[in-house]
């Protein structure tokens, strides 16, 4: 398969296909997976804050949907 046809099939540019081929040749097929796999998100909420929010939702806003509960947490509990 040519790079042009591979780019068309993958809906990528030929330059990106060339980069992917270079990575495969250098590190094998596993090298094209996303580099952040297995690492926590940079935007993750800390465990303490998450546990506190879940506790508040369970105590005060148990009958609310997720959007309304999030709004009330922000409005009343900061």
Protein backbone atom coordinates (compact mmCIF):
# COMPACT_ATOMS: atom_id res chain seq x y z
CA UNK A 1 0.00 0.00 0.00
CA UNK A 2 1.33 3.41 -0.82
CA UNK A 3 1.56 6.23 1.70
CA UNK A 4 -1.03 8.21 -0.23
CA UNK A 5 -3.58 5.38 -0.15
CA UNK A 6 -2.83 4.66 3.53
CA UNK A 7 -3.34 8.33 4.35
CA UNK A 8 -6.66 8.27 2.52
CA UNK A 9 -7.84 5.12 4.32
CA UNK A 10 -6.74 6.41 7.74
CA UNK A 11 -7.97 9.94 7.02
CA UNK A 12 -4.53 11.35 7.86
CA UNK A 13 -2.00 13.40 5.96
CA UNK A 14 0.81 11.66 4.13
CA UNK A 15 3.24 13.42 6.47
CA UNK A 16 1.52 11.89 9.52
CA UNK A 17 1.58 8.44 7.88
CA UNK A 18 5.32 8.89 7.30
CA UNK A 19 5.79 9.77 11.00
CA UNK A 20 3.80 6.71 12.07
CA UNK A 21 5.88 4.45 9.82
CA UNK A 22 9.08 5.86 11.28
CA UNK A 23 7.82 5.18 14.81
CA UNK A 24 6.80 1.62 13.90
CA UNK A 25 10.19 0.94 12.32
CA UNK A 26 12.03 2.34 15.35
CA UNK A 27 9.96 0.85 18.18
CA UNK A 28 7.57 -1.73 16.77
CA UNK A 29 3.78 -1.68 16.64
CA UNK A 30 3.44 -0.85 20.35
CA UNK A 31 5.14 2.51 19.76
CA UNK A 32 2.10 4.01 18.02
CA UNK A 33 -0.18 3.77 21.06
CA UNK A 34 -0.89 6.93 23.01
CA UNK A 35 1.98 7.92 25.28
CA UNK A 36 -0.22 8.86 28.26
CA UNK A 37 -1.70 5.38 28.74
CA UNK A 38 -1.40 4.31 32.36
CA UNK A 39 -0.76 7.80 33.73
CA UNK A 40 -3.35 9.85 35.63
CA UNK A 41 -4.96 12.85 33.98
CA UNK A 42 -3.47 16.29 34.60
CA UNK A 43 -6.99 17.61 35.27
CA UNK A 44 -7.90 14.95 37.81
CA UNK A 45 -9.70 16.03 40.98
CA UNK A 46 -7.78 15.06 44.12
CA UNK A 47 -9.09 12.08 46.09
CA UNK A 48 -10.00 14.15 49.15
CA UNK A 49 -12.06 16.68 47.20
CA UNK A 50 -13.80 13.92 45.24
CA UNK A 51 -14.66 11.98 48.40
CA UNK A 52 -15.97 15.14 50.06
CA UNK A 53 -18.16 15.96 47.05
CA UNK A 54 -19.54 12.41 46.86
CA UNK A 55 -20.36 12.54 50.58
CA UNK A 56 -22.16 15.88 50.20
CA UNK A 57 -24.15 14.63 47.21
CA UNK A 58 -25.15 11.51 49.13
CA UNK A 59 -26.25 13.48 52.20
CA UNK A 60 -27.82 16.63 50.75
CA UNK A 61 -28.50 16.08 47.05
CA UNK A 62 -29.27 12.35 46.77
CA UNK A 63 -32.44 12.91 44.75
CA UNK A 64 -30.82 15.38 42.31
CA UNK A 65 -29.55 14.52 38.85
CA UNK A 66 -25.83 14.91 38.11
CA UNK A 67 -26.09 18.36 36.52
CA UNK A 68 -28.26 19.89 39.24
CA UNK A 69 -26.11 18.29 41.95
CA UNK A 70 -22.98 19.79 40.36
CA UNK A 71 -24.64 23.22 40.19
CA UNK A 72 -25.73 23.07 43.84
CA UNK A 73 -22.29 21.89 44.95
CA UNK A 74 -20.71 24.84 43.17
CA UNK A 75 -23.29 27.33 44.38
CA UNK A 76 -23.70 26.33 48.02
CA UNK A 77 -20.56 24.37 48.90
CA UNK A 78 -17.93 25.92 46.69
